PDB file of N, CA and C in Angstrom:
ATOM      1  N   MET A   1     -58.624 -35.733  91.150  1.00  0.00           N
ATOM      2  CA  MET A   1     -57.587 -35.708  92.164  1.00  0.00           C
ATOM      3  C   MET A   1     -56.658 -36.910  92.015  1.00  0.00           C
ATOM      4  N   LYS A   2     -57.218 -38.034  91.651  1.00  0.00           N
ATOM      5  CA  LYS A   2     -56.416 -39.228  91.481  1.00  0.00           C
ATOM      6  C   LYS A   2     -55.478 -39.097  90.275  1.00  0.00           C
ATOM      7  N   ASN A   3     -55.896 -38.394  89.247  1.00  0.00           N
ATOM      8  CA  ASN A   3     -55.053 -38.208  88.062  1.00  0.00           C
ATOM      9  C   ASN A   3     -53.821 -37.377  88.368  1.00  0.00           C
ATOM     10  N   ILE A   4     -53.938 -36.359  89.217  1.00  0.00           N
ATOM     11  CA  ILE A   4     -52.796 -35.517  89.560  1.00  0.00           C
ATOM     12  C   ILE A   4     -51.743 -36.340  90.304  1.00  0.00           C
ATOM     13  N   GLY A   5     -52.156 -37.155  91.252  1.00  0.00           N
ATOM     14  CA  GLY A   5     -51.223 -38.011  91.986  1.00  0.00           C
ATOM     15  C   GLY A   5     -50.546 -39.013  91.073  1.00  0.00           C
ATOM     16  N   PHE A   6     -51.286 -39.526  90.103  1.00  0.00           N
ATOM     17  CA  PHE A   6     -50.719 -40.481  89.157  1.00  0.00           C
ATOM     18  C   PHE A   6     -49.694 -39.800  88.258  1.00  0.00           C
ATOM     19  N   ASP A   7     -49.988 -38.586  87.805  1.00  0.00           N
ATOM     20  CA  ASP A   7     -49.063 -37.851  86.935  1.00  0.00           C
ATOM     21  C   ASP A   7     -47.768 -37.495  87.661  1.00  0.00           C
ATOM     22  N   LEU A   8     -47.866 -37.113  88.919  1.00  0.00           N
ATOM     23  CA  LEU A   8     -46.668 -36.759  89.671  1.00  0.00           C
ATOM     24  C   LEU A   8     -45.789 -37.980  89.938  1.00  0.00           C
ATOM     25  N   SER A   9     -46.395 -39.136  90.098  1.00  0.00           N
ATOM     26  CA  SER A   9     -45.597 -40.334  90.315  1.00  0.00           C
ATOM     27  C   SER A   9     -44.851 -40.748  89.051  1.00  0.00           C
ATOM     28  N   MET A  10     -45.313 -40.318  87.899  1.00  0.00           N
ATOM     29  CA  MET A  10     -44.623 -40.608  86.635  1.00  0.00           C
ATOM     30  C   MET A  10     -43.335 -39.785  86.508  1.00  0.00           C
ATOM     31  N   LEU A  11     -43.261 -38.641  87.181  1.00  0.00           N
ATOM     32  CA  LEU A  11     -42.096 -37.775  87.094  1.00  0.00           C
ATOM     33  C   LEU A  11     -40.969 -38.193  88.031  1.00  0.00           C
ATOM     34  N   ARG A  12     -41.213 -39.143  88.894  1.00  0.00           N
ATOM     35  CA  ARG A  12     -40.200 -39.549  89.860  1.00  0.00           C
ATOM     36  C   ARG A  12     -38.926 -40.068  89.203  1.00  0.00           C
ATOM     37  N   PRO A  13     -38.964 -40.905  88.172  1.00  0.00           N
ATOM     38  CA  PRO A  13     -37.715 -41.342  87.522  1.00  0.00           C
ATOM     39  C   PRO A  13     -36.971 -40.182  86.838  1.00  0.00           C
ATOM     40  N   VAL A  14     -37.705 -39.252  86.273  1.00  0.00           N
ATOM     41  CA  VAL A  14     -37.084 -38.105  85.626  1.00  0.00           C
ATOM     42  C   VAL A  14     -36.373 -37.246  86.672  1.00  0.00           C
ATOM     43  N   ARG A  15     -37.016 -37.049  87.799  1.00  0.00           N
ATOM     44  CA  ARG A  15     -36.418 -36.274  88.877  1.00  0.00           C
ATOM     45  C   ARG A  15     -35.137 -36.959  89.366  1.00  0.00           C
ATOM     46  N   PHE A  16     -35.154 -38.276  89.465  1.00  0.00           N
ATOM     47  CA  PHE A  16     -33.970 -39.025  89.872  1.00  0.00           C
ATOM     48  C   PHE A  16     -32.833 -38.832  88.869  1.00  0.00           C
ATOM     49  N   LEU A  17     -33.145 -38.871  87.566  1.00  0.00           N
ATOM     50  CA  LEU A  17     -32.124 -38.685  86.539  1.00  0.00           C
ATOM     51  C   LEU A  17     -31.523 -37.282  86.595  1.00  0.00           C
ATOM     52  N   ILE A  18     -32.344 -36.289  86.851  1.00  0.00           N
ATOM     53  CA  ILE A  18     -31.848 -34.913  86.954  1.00  0.00           C
ATOM     54  C   ILE A  18     -30.902 -34.777  88.144  1.00  0.00           C
ATOM     55  N   VAL A  19     -31.264 -35.354  89.275  1.00  0.00           N
ATOM     56  CA  VAL A  19     -30.412 -35.299  90.460  1.00  0.00           C
ATOM     57  C   VAL A  19     -29.106 -36.061  90.220  1.00  0.00           C
ATOM     58  N   ALA A  20     -29.180 -37.221  89.588  1.00  0.00           N
ATOM     59  CA  ALA A  20     -27.980 -38.009  89.309  1.00  0.00           C
ATOM     60  C   ALA A  20     -27.055 -37.267  88.348  1.00  0.00           C
ATOM     61  N   PHE A  21     -27.620 -36.628  87.320  1.00  0.00           N
ATOM     62  CA  PHE A  21     -26.814 -35.866  86.368  1.00  0.00           C
ATOM     63  C   PHE A  21     -26.138 -34.685  87.061  1.00  0.00           C
ATOM     64  N   THR A  22     -26.864 -33.997  87.920  1.00  0.00           N
ATOM     65  CA  THR A  22     -26.296 -32.851  88.639  1.00  0.00           C
ATOM     66  C   THR A  22     -25.163 -33.297  89.561  1.00  0.00           C
ATOM     67  N   CYS A  23     -25.355 -34.401  90.258  1.00  0.00           N
ATOM     68  CA  CYS A  23     -24.289 -34.910  91.135  1.00  0.00           C
ATOM     69  C   CYS A  23     -23.056 -35.310  90.323  1.00  0.00           C
ATOM     70  N   ALA A  24     -23.260 -35.977  89.192  1.00  0.00           N
ATOM     71  CA  ALA A  24     -22.129 -36.368  88.345  1.00  0.00           C
ATOM     72  C   ALA A  24     -21.403 -35.135  87.813  1.00  0.00           C
ATOM     73  N   LEU A  25     -22.148 -34.113  87.432  1.00  0.00           N
ATOM     74  CA  LEU A  25     -21.540 -32.879  86.956  1.00  0.00           C
ATOM     75  C   LEU A  25     -20.694 -32.225  88.047  1.00  0.00           C
ATOM     76  N   LEU A  26     -21.180 -32.195  89.265  1.00  0.00           N
ATOM     77  CA  LEU A  26     -20.420 -31.623  90.368  1.00  0.00           C
ATOM     78  C   LEU A  26     -19.152 -32.424  90.650  1.00  0.00           C
ATOM     79  N   VAL A  27     -19.247 -33.750  90.605  1.00  0.00           N
ATOM     80  CA  VAL A  27     -18.075 -34.591  90.868  1.00  0.00           C
ATOM     81  C   VAL A  27     -17.009 -34.376  89.790  1.00  0.00           C
ATOM     82  N   PHE A  28     -17.421 -34.382  88.518  1.00  0.00           N
ATOM     83  CA  PHE A  28     -16.443 -34.214  87.437  1.00  0.00           C
ATOM     84  C   PHE A  28     -15.867 -32.813  87.396  1.00  0.00           C
ATOM     85  N   SER A  29     -16.666 -31.814  87.697  1.00  0.00           N
ATOM     86  CA  SER A  29     -16.126 -30.450  87.684  1.00  0.00           C
ATOM     87  C   SER A  29     -15.148 -30.242  88.835  1.00  0.00           C
ATOM     88  N   HIS A  30     -15.324 -30.967  89.911  1.00  0.00           N
ATOM     89  CA  HIS A  30     -14.384 -30.864  91.024  1.00  0.00           C
ATOM     90  C   HIS A  30     -13.119 -31.687  90.742  1.00  0.00           C
ATOM     91  N   ALA A  31     -13.275 -32.805  90.060  1.00  0.00           N
ATOM     92  CA  ALA A  31     -12.135 -33.685  89.809  1.00  0.00           C
ATOM     93  C   ALA A  31     -11.229 -33.157  88.698  1.00  0.00           C
ATOM     94  N   PHE A  32     -11.784 -32.436  87.722  1.00  0.00           N
ATOM     95  CA  PHE A  32     -11.012 -31.941  86.580  1.00  0.00           C
ATOM     96  C   PHE A  32     -11.189 -30.431  86.436  1.00  0.00           C
ATOM     97  N   PRO A  33     -10.745 -29.644  87.404  1.00  0.00           N
ATOM     98  CA  PRO A  33     -11.018 -28.205  87.334  1.00  0.00           C
ATOM     99  C   PRO A  33     -10.141 -27.437  86.353  1.00  0.00           C
ATOM    100  N   ALA A  34      -8.937 -27.906  86.101  1.00  0.00           N
ATOM    101  CA  ALA A  34      -8.016 -27.117  85.293  1.00  0.00           C
ATOM    102  C   ALA A  34      -7.865 -27.731  83.912  1.00  0.00           C
ATOM    103  N   ALA A  35      -8.629 -27.227  82.969  1.00  0.00           N
ATOM    104  CA  ALA A  35      -8.513 -27.715  81.600  1.00  0.00           C
ATOM    105  C   ALA A  35      -7.234 -27.210  80.954  1.00  0.00           C
ATOM    106  N   ALA A  36      -6.663 -26.155  81.486  1.00  0.00           N
ATOM    107  CA  ALA A  36      -5.457 -25.561  80.908  1.00  0.00           C
ATOM    108  C   ALA A  36      -4.189 -26.083  81.580  1.00  0.00           C
ATOM    109  N   ILE A  37      -4.258 -27.219  82.219  1.00  0.00           N
ATOM    110  CA  ILE A  37      -3.106 -27.754  82.937  1.00  0.00           C
ATOM    111  C   ILE A  37      -1.983 -28.148  81.980  1.00  0.00           C
ATOM    112  N   SER A  38      -2.324 -28.394  80.714  1.00  0.00           N
ATOM    113  CA  SER A  38      -1.294 -28.826  79.770  1.00  0.00           C
ATOM    114  C   SER A  38      -0.543 -27.654  79.161  1.00  0.00           C
ATOM    115  N   THR A  39      -0.854 -26.435  79.563  1.00  0.00           N
ATOM    116  CA  THR A  39      -0.132 -25.290  79.033  1.00  0.00           C
ATOM    117  C   THR A  39       1.282 -25.251  79.610  1.00  0.00           C
ATOM    118  N   GLN A  40       2.108 -24.430  79.017  1.00  0.00           N
ATOM    119  CA  GLN A  40       3.489 -24.334  79.451  1.00  0.00           C
ATOM    120  C   GLN A  40       3.551 -23.796  80.879  1.00  0.00           C
ATOM    121  N   GLN A  41       4.232 -24.498  81.731  1.00  0.00           N
ATOM    122  CA  GLN A  41       4.353 -24.107  83.128  1.00  0.00           C
ATOM    123  C   GLN A  41       5.495 -23.112  83.284  1.00  0.00           C
ATOM    124  N   SER A  42       5.275 -22.094  84.084  1.00  0.00           N
ATOM    125  CA  SER A  42       6.341 -21.129  84.335  1.00  0.00           C
ATOM    126  C   SER A  42       7.223 -21.641  85.469  1.00  0.00           C
ATOM    127  N   ASN A  43       8.455 -21.207  85.445  1.00  0.00           N
ATOM    128  CA  ASN A  43       9.409 -21.614  86.453  1.00  0.00           C
ATOM    129  C   ASN A  43       9.462 -20.539  87.532  1.00  0.00           C
ATOM    130  N   PRO A  44       9.077 -20.860  88.770  1.00  0.00           N
ATOM    131  CA  PRO A  44       9.091 -19.843  89.816  1.00  0.00           C
ATOM    132  C   PRO A  44      10.481 -19.311  90.132  1.00  0.00           C
ATOM    133  N   GLU A  45      11.513 -20.078  89.794  1.00  0.00           N
ATOM    134  CA  GLU A  45      12.876 -19.629  90.030  1.00  0.00           C
ATOM    135  C   GLU A  45      13.244 -18.451  89.126  1.00  0.00           C
ATOM    136  N   LYS A  46      12.632 -18.369  87.938  1.00  0.00           N
ATOM    137  CA  LYS A  46      12.958 -17.329  86.977  1.00  0.00           C
ATOM    138  C   LYS A  46      12.001 -16.147  87.039  1.00  0.00           C
ATOM    139  N   GLY A  47      11.054 -16.158  87.919  1.00  0.00           N
ATOM    140  CA  GLY A  47      10.048 -15.104  87.984  1.00  0.00           C
ATOM    141  C   GLY A  47      10.621 -13.733  88.246  1.00  0.00           C
ATOM    142  N   GLU A  48      11.622 -13.652  89.077  1.00  0.00           N
ATOM    143  CA  GLU A  48      12.197 -12.359  89.431  1.00  0.00           C
ATOM    144  C   GLU A  48      13.045 -11.784  88.300  1.00  0.00           C
ATOM    145  N   THR A  49      13.718 -12.630  87.564  1.00  0.00           N
ATOM    146  CA  THR A  49      14.631 -12.135  86.538  1.00  0.00           C
ATOM    147  C   THR A  49      13.937 -11.820  85.222  1.00  0.00           C
ATOM    148  N   GLN A  50      12.691 -12.213  85.045  1.00  0.00           N
ATOM    149  CA  GLN A  50      12.036 -12.040  83.750  1.00  0.00           C
ATOM    150  C   GLN A  50      11.782 -10.587  83.395  1.00  0.00           C
ATOM    151  N   LEU A  51      11.477  -9.760  84.358  1.00  0.00           N
ATOM    152  CA  LEU A  51      11.134  -8.381  84.045  1.00  0.00           C
ATOM    153  C   LEU A  51      12.118  -7.378  84.630  1.00  0.00           C
ATOM    154  N   LEU A  52      13.378  -7.758  84.687  1.00  0.00           N
ATOM    155  CA  LEU A  52      14.381  -6.842  85.214  1.00  0.00           C
ATOM    156  C   LEU A  52      14.561  -5.618  84.326  1.00  0.00           C
ATOM    157  N   GLY A  53      14.456  -5.781  83.023  1.00  0.00           N
ATOM    158  CA  GLY A  53      14.568  -4.639  82.115  1.00  0.00           C
ATOM    159  C   GLY A  53      13.472  -3.622  82.369  1.00  0.00           C
ATOM    160  N   THR A  54      12.270  -4.099  82.603  1.00  0.00           N
ATOM    161  CA  THR A  54      11.145  -3.207  82.911  1.00  0.00           C
ATOM    162  C   THR A  54      11.390  -2.473  84.213  1.00  0.00           C
ATOM    163  N   GLN A  55      11.898  -3.171  85.207  1.00  0.00           N
ATOM    164  CA  GLN A  55      12.173  -2.540  86.501  1.00  0.00           C
ATOM    165  C   GLN A  55      13.270  -1.481  86.381  1.00  0.00           C
ATOM    166  N   LYS A  56      14.286  -1.745  85.581  1.00  0.00           N
ATOM    167  CA  LYS A  56      15.362  -0.777  85.389  1.00  0.00           C
ATOM    168  C   LYS A  56      14.834   0.509  84.741  1.00  0.00           C
ATOM    169  N   GLU A  57      13.999   0.327  83.703  1.00  0.00           N
ATOM    170  CA  GLU A  57      13.427   1.490  83.029  1.00  0.00           C
ATOM    171  C   GLU A  57      12.537   2.291  83.981  1.00  0.00           C
ATOM    172  N   THR A  58      11.770   1.607  84.789  1.00  0.00           N
ATOM    173  CA  THR A  58      10.897   2.282  85.746  1.00  0.00           C
ATOM    174  C   THR A  58      11.710   3.042  86.782  1.00  0.00           C
ATOM    175  N   ASP A  59      12.787   2.431  87.279  1.00  0.00           N
ATOM    176  CA  ASP A  59      13.637   3.097  88.267  1.00  0.00           C
ATOM    177  C   ASP A  59      14.289   4.354  87.688  1.00  0.00           C
ATOM    178  N   LYS A  60      14.757   4.264  86.420  1.00  0.00           N
ATOM    179  CA  LYS A  60      15.364   5.439  85.792  1.00  0.00           C
ATOM    180  C   LYS A  60      14.344   6.571  85.654  1.00  0.00           C
ATOM    181  N   LEU A  61      13.128   6.230  85.266  1.00  0.00           N
ATOM    182  CA  LEU A  61      12.106   7.243  85.046  1.00  0.00           C
ATOM    183  C   LEU A  61      11.671   7.901  86.349  1.00  0.00           C
ATOM    184  N   THR A  62      11.580   7.134  87.423  1.00  0.00           N
ATOM    185  CA  THR A  62      11.130   7.717  88.694  1.00  0.00           C
ATOM    186  C   THR A  62      12.212   8.554  89.361  1.00  0.00           C
ATOM    187  N   ALA A  63      13.485   8.363  89.003  1.00  0.00           N
ATOM    188  CA  ALA A  63      14.564   9.141  89.603  1.00  0.00           C
ATOM    189  C   ALA A  63      14.667  10.537  88.989  1.00  0.00           C
ATOM    190  N   GLN A  64      14.023  10.742  87.825  1.00  0.00           N
ATOM    191  CA  GLN A  64      14.088  12.023  87.132  1.00  0.00           C
ATOM    192  C   GLN A  64      12.783  12.793  87.336  1.00  0.00           C
ATOM    193  N   PRO A  65      12.809  14.084  86.999  1.00  0.00           N
ATOM    194  CA  PRO A  65      11.539  14.822  87.008  1.00  0.00           C
ATOM    195  C   PRO A  65      10.620  14.291  85.900  1.00  0.00           C
ATOM    196  N   PRO A  66       9.331  14.540  85.989  1.00  0.00           N
ATOM    197  CA  PRO A  66       8.404  14.003  84.983  1.00  0.00           C
ATOM    198  C   PRO A  66       8.792  14.430  83.569  1.00  0.00           C
ATOM    199  N   PRO A  67       8.742  13.499  82.619  1.00  0.00           N
ATOM    200  CA  PRO A  67       9.131  13.841  81.247  1.00  0.00           C
ATOM    201  C   PRO A  67       8.060  14.713  80.577  1.00  0.00           C
ATOM    202  N   GLY A  68       8.486  15.451  79.576  1.00  0.00           N
ATOM    203  CA  GLY A  68       7.566  16.279  78.812  1.00  0.00           C
ATOM    204  C   GLY A  68       6.804  15.455  77.785  1.00  0.00           C
ATOM    205  N   LEU A  69       5.923  16.133  77.070  1.00  0.00           N
ATOM    206  CA  LEU A  69       5.067  15.461  76.091  1.00  0.00           C
ATOM    207  C   LEU A  69       5.891  14.858  74.955  1.00  0.00           C
ATOM    208  N   LYS A  70       6.839  15.613  74.423  1.00  0.00           N
ATOM    209  CA  LYS A  70       7.651  15.115  73.298  1.00  0.00           C
ATOM    210  C   LYS A  70       8.465  13.888  73.704  1.00  0.00           C
ATOM    211  N   GLU A  71       9.069  13.966  74.877  1.00  0.00           N
ATOM    212  CA  GLU A  71       9.879  12.837  75.353  1.00  0.00           C
ATOM    213  C   GLU A  71       9.008  11.609  75.608  1.00  0.00           C
ATOM    214  N   THR A  72       7.816  11.831  76.162  1.00  0.00           N
ATOM    215  CA  THR A  72       6.902  10.721  76.422  1.00  0.00           C
ATOM    216  C   THR A  72       6.450  10.070  75.123  1.00  0.00           C
ATOM    217  N   GLN A  73       6.113  10.877  74.126  1.00  0.00           N
ATOM    218  CA  GLN A  73       5.690  10.324  72.842  1.00  0.00           C
ATOM    219  C   GLN A  73       6.821   9.561  72.162  1.00  0.00           C
ATOM    220  N   LYS A  74       8.025  10.110  72.245  1.00  0.00           N
ATOM    221  CA  LYS A  74       9.183   9.445  71.635  1.00  0.00           C
ATOM    222  C   LYS A  74       9.422   8.088  72.294  1.00  0.00           C
ATOM    223  N   LYS A  75       9.372   8.057  73.608  1.00  0.00           N
ATOM    224  CA  LYS A  75       9.587   6.808  74.352  1.00  0.00           C
ATOM    225  C   LYS A  75       8.468   5.807  74.083  1.00  0.00           C
ATOM    226  N   ALA A  76       7.222   6.286  73.998  1.00  0.00           N
ATOM    227  CA  ALA A  76       6.088   5.396  73.753  1.00  0.00           C
ATOM    228  C   ALA A  76       6.159   4.786  72.364  1.00  0.00           C
ATOM    229  N   ASN A  77       6.678   5.515  71.396  1.00  0.00           N
ATOM    230  CA  ASN A  77       6.789   4.996  70.035  1.00  0.00           C
ATOM    231  C   ASN A  77       7.907   3.969  69.881  1.00  0.00           C
ATOM    232  N   GLU A  78       8.817   3.925  70.830  1.00  0.00           N
ATOM    233  CA  GLU A  78       9.903   2.949  70.773  1.00  0.00           C
ATOM    234  C   GLU A  78       9.444   1.545  71.131  1.00  0.00           C
ATOM    235  N   GLY A  79       8.433   1.431  71.976  1.00  0.00           N
ATOM    236  CA  GLY A  79       8.040   0.097  72.434  1.00  0.00           C
ATOM    237  C   GLY A  79       6.584   0.036  72.820  1.00  0.00           C
ATOM    238  N   LEU A  80       6.331  -0.590  73.952  1.00  0.00           N
ATOM    239  CA  LEU A  80       4.963  -0.855  74.379  1.00  0.00           C
ATOM    240  C   LEU A  80       4.278   0.354  74.989  1.00  0.00           C
ATOM    241  N   ASN A  81       4.978   1.078  75.848  1.00  0.00           N
ATOM    242  CA  ASN A  81       4.419   2.273  76.463  1.00  0.00           C
ATOM    243  C   ASN A  81       5.553   3.179  76.905  1.00  0.00           C
ATOM    244  N   GLU A  82       5.204   4.335  77.479  1.00  0.00           N
ATOM    245  CA  GLU A  82       6.245   5.314  77.784  1.00  0.00           C
ATOM    246  C   GLU A  82       7.130   4.920  78.945  1.00  0.00           C
ATOM    247  N   VAL A  83       6.679   4.053  79.834  1.00  0.00           N
ATOM    248  CA  VAL A  83       7.503   3.659  80.968  1.00  0.00           C
ATOM    249  C   VAL A  83       8.440   2.523  80.575  1.00  0.00           C
ATOM    250  N   GLN A  84       7.912   1.493  79.962  1.00  0.00           N
ATOM    251  CA  GLN A  84       8.717   0.330  79.629  1.00  0.00           C
ATOM    252  C   GLN A  84       9.593   0.543  78.408  1.00  0.00           C
ATOM    253  N   GLY A  85       9.087   1.270  77.448  1.00  0.00           N
ATOM    254  CA  GLY A  85       9.812   1.360  76.186  1.00  0.00           C
ATOM    255  C   GLY A  85       9.805  -0.003  75.521  1.00  0.00           C
ATOM    256  N   ALA A  86      10.958  -0.482  75.161  1.00  0.00           N
ATOM    257  CA  ALA A  86      11.060  -1.793  74.532  1.00  0.00           C
ATOM    258  C   ALA A  86      11.643  -2.829  75.485  1.00  0.00           C
ATOM    259  N   ALA A  87      11.635  -2.538  76.777  1.00  0.00           N
ATOM    260  CA  ALA A  87      12.205  -3.467  77.755  1.00  0.00           C
ATOM    261  C   ALA A  87      11.388  -4.752  77.806  1.00  0.00           C
ATOM    262  N   ASP A  88      12.056  -5.878  77.696  1.00  0.00           N
ATOM    263  CA  ASP A  88      11.446  -7.216  77.755  1.00  0.00           C
ATOM    264  C   ASP A  88      10.334  -7.404  76.730  1.00  0.00           C
ATOM    265  N   ILE A  89      10.412  -6.712  75.614  1.00  0.00           N
ATOM    266  CA  ILE A  89       9.368  -6.837  74.596  1.00  0.00           C
ATOM    267  C   ILE A  89       9.377  -8.228  73.963  1.00  0.00           C
ATOM    268  N   ASP A  90      10.532  -8.876  73.938  1.00  0.00           N
ATOM    269  CA  ASP A  90      10.619 -10.214  73.350  1.00  0.00           C
ATOM    270  C   ASP A  90       9.987 -11.277  74.243  1.00  0.00           C
ATOM    271  N   LYS A  91       9.754 -10.975  75.519  1.00  0.00           N
ATOM    272  CA  LYS A  91       9.172 -11.957  76.433  1.00  0.00           C
ATOM    273  C   LYS A  91       7.659 -11.846  76.536  1.00  0.00           C
ATOM    274  N   MET A  92       7.078 -10.837  75.875  1.00  0.00           N
ATOM    275  CA  MET A  92       5.635 -10.636  75.958  1.00  0.00           C
ATOM    276  C   MET A  92       4.961 -11.237  74.737  1.00  0.00           C
ATOM    277  N   ASN A  93       3.782 -11.796  74.957  1.00  0.00           N
ATOM    278  CA  ASN A  93       3.041 -12.414  73.861  1.00  0.00           C
ATOM    279  C   ASN A  93       2.234 -11.353  73.122  1.00  0.00           C
ATOM    280  N   ARG A  94       2.456 -11.303  71.810  1.00  0.00           N
ATOM    281  CA  ARG A  94       1.741 -10.394  70.931  1.00  0.00           C
ATOM    282  C   ARG A  94       1.357 -11.176  69.691  1.00  0.00           C
ATOM    283  N   PRO A  95       0.458 -10.672  68.869  1.00  0.00           N
ATOM    284  CA  PRO A  95       0.107 -11.404  67.644  1.00  0.00           C
ATOM    285  C   PRO A  95       1.300 -11.662  66.732  1.00  0.00           C
ATOM    286  N   GLU A  96       2.268 -10.747  66.730  1.00  0.00           N
ATOM    287  CA  GLU A  96       3.429 -10.921  65.840  1.00  0.00           C
ATOM    288  C   GLU A  96       4.283 -12.121  66.231  1.00  0.00           C
ATOM    289  N   ASN A  97       4.422 -12.379  67.535  1.00  0.00           N
ATOM    290  CA  ASN A  97       5.296 -13.481  67.943  1.00  0.00           C
ATOM    291  C   ASN A  97       4.510 -14.706  68.395  1.00  0.00           C
ATOM    292  N   SER A  98       3.227 -14.744  68.129  1.00  0.00           N
ATOM    293  CA  SER A  98       2.408 -15.886  68.538  1.00  0.00           C
ATOM    294  C   SER A  98       1.857 -16.659  67.345  1.00  0.00           C
ATOM    295  N   GLN A  99       2.450 -16.493  66.187  1.00  0.00           N
ATOM    296  CA  GLN A  99       1.945 -17.166  64.995  1.00  0.00           C
ATOM    297  C   GLN A  99       2.176 -18.673  65.040  1.00  0.00           C
ATOM    298  N   GLN A 100       3.174 -19.123  65.769  1.00  0.00           N
ATOM    299  CA  GLN A 100       3.459 -20.546  65.848  1.00  0.00           C
ATOM    300  C   GLN A 100       2.633 -21.231  66.940  1.00  0.00           C
ATOM    301  N   ALA A 101       1.752 -20.494  67.616  1.00  0.00           N
ATOM    302  CA  ALA A 101       0.937 -21.066  68.689  1.00  0.00           C
ATOM    303  C   ALA A 101      -0.037 -22.090  68.111  1.00  0.00           C
ATOM    304  N   THR A 102      -0.319 -23.121  68.878  1.00  0.00           N
ATOM    305  CA  THR A 102      -1.238 -24.172  68.459  1.00  0.00           C
ATOM    306  C   THR A 102      -2.654 -23.784  68.839  1.00  0.00           C
ATOM    307  N   SER A 103      -3.567 -23.854  67.890  1.00  0.00           N
ATOM    308  CA  SER A 103      -4.952 -23.493  68.174  1.00  0.00           C
ATOM    309  C   SER A 103      -5.617 -24.601  68.989  1.00  0.00           C
ATOM    310  N   PHE A 104      -6.755 -24.259  69.577  1.00  0.00           N
ATOM    311  CA  PHE A 104      -7.485 -25.230  70.379  1.00  0.00           C
ATOM    312  C   PHE A 104      -7.941 -26.402  69.521  1.00  0.00           C
ATOM    313  N   GLU A 105      -8.359 -26.106  68.287  1.00  0.00           N
ATOM    314  CA  GLU A 105      -8.817 -27.173  67.391  1.00  0.00           C
ATOM    315  C   GLU A 105      -7.686 -28.163  67.113  1.00  0.00           C
ATOM    316  N   ASP A 106      -6.470 -27.637  66.888  1.00  0.00           N
ATOM    317  CA  ASP A 106      -5.331 -28.516  66.646  1.00  0.00           C
ATOM    318  C   ASP A 106      -4.989 -29.335  67.879  1.00  0.00           C
ATOM    319  N   GLN A 107      -5.056 -28.716  69.052  1.00  0.00           N
ATOM    320  CA  GLN A 107      -4.779 -29.445  70.286  1.00  0.00           C
ATOM    321  C   GLN A 107      -5.802 -30.553  70.500  1.00  0.00           C
ATOM    322  N   ALA A 108      -7.081 -30.252  70.259  1.00  0.00           N
ATOM    323  CA  ALA A 108      -8.129 -31.265  70.425  1.00  0.00           C
ATOM    324  C   ALA A 108      -7.942 -32.391  69.418  1.00  0.00           C
ATOM    325  N   GLU A 109      -7.602 -32.039  68.178  1.00  0.00           N
ATOM    326  CA  GLU A 109      -7.387 -33.057  67.150  1.00  0.00           C
ATOM    327  C   GLU A 109      -6.203 -33.957  67.511  1.00  0.00           C
ATOM    328  N   ASN A 110      -5.114 -33.353  67.991  1.00  0.00           N
ATOM    329  CA  ASN A 110      -3.946 -34.146  68.402  1.00  0.00           C
ATOM    330  C   ASN A 110      -4.285 -35.069  69.564  1.00  0.00           C
ATOM    331  N   PHE A 111      -5.083 -34.565  70.510  1.00  0.00           N
ATOM    332  CA  PHE A 111      -5.483 -35.373  71.654  1.00  0.00           C
ATOM    333  C   PHE A 111      -6.328 -36.557  71.208  1.00  0.00           C
ATOM    334  N   LEU A 112      -7.279 -36.302  70.304  1.00  0.00           N
ATOM    335  CA  LEU A 112      -8.134 -37.386  69.819  1.00  0.00           C
ATOM    336  C   LEU A 112      -7.334 -38.393  69.000  1.00  0.00           C
ATOM    337  N   GLU A 113      -6.332 -37.913  68.255  1.00  0.00           N
ATOM    338  CA  GLU A 113      -5.482 -38.837  67.514  1.00  0.00           C
ATOM    339  C   GLU A 113      -4.692 -39.746  68.444  1.00  0.00           C
ATOM    340  N   LYS A 114      -4.234 -39.198  69.566  1.00  0.00           N
ATOM    341  CA  LYS A 114      -3.498 -40.010  70.537  1.00  0.00           C
ATOM    342  C   LYS A 114      -4.398 -41.069  71.143  1.00  0.00           C
ATOM    343  N   ILE A 115      -5.659 -40.702  71.413  1.00  0.00           N
ATOM    344  CA  ILE A 115      -6.585 -41.658  72.021  1.00  0.00           C
ATOM    345  C   ILE A 115      -6.952 -42.763  71.043  1.00  0.00           C
ATOM    346  N   THR A 116      -7.322 -42.379  69.823  1.00  0.00           N
ATOM    347  CA  THR A 116      -7.785 -43.376  68.856  1.00  0.00           C
ATOM    348  C   THR A 116      -6.647 -44.076  68.153  1.00  0.00           C
ATOM    349  N   GLY A 117      -5.474 -43.461  68.102  1.00  0.00           N
ATOM    350  CA  GLY A 117      -4.335 -44.067  67.415  1.00  0.00           C
ATOM    351  C   GLY A 117      -4.404 -43.894  65.916  1.00  0.00           C
ATOM    352  N   LYS A 118      -5.369 -43.103  65.433  1.00  0.00           N
ATOM    353  CA  LYS A 118      -5.506 -42.874  63.996  1.00  0.00           C
ATOM    354  C   LYS A 118      -5.019 -41.474  63.657  1.00  0.00           C
ATOM    355  N   LYS A 119      -4.724 -41.288  62.386  1.00  0.00           N
ATOM    356  CA  LYS A 119      -4.308 -39.961  61.949  1.00  0.00           C
ATOM    357  C   LYS A 119      -5.262 -39.404  60.963  1.00  0.00           C
TER     358      LYS A 119
END
């Protein structure tokens, strides 16, 4: 019986370290929640004008009777889908227009270079 009490008292520092680590993790996760904060910020002033082409195409389509299969296929082959067509296609991110994007590895390397001052 004495050995069990002695063994449990040995775990007290470990238990303290686990609690301290958990508290530190909670504090840091609350203090730095947005790792993507350095991404490009959108301008709320331009939010309405960005997809006006899509809205125009949608309004035209809803004012007419439903299109047939041939017309739908023709429209879908022009762009992204049968409703939008090619409206605002240049503003959407696709693999074709995202080749100049910086990978996470490059961003991390650039960040570490700024911190250390080395290249």
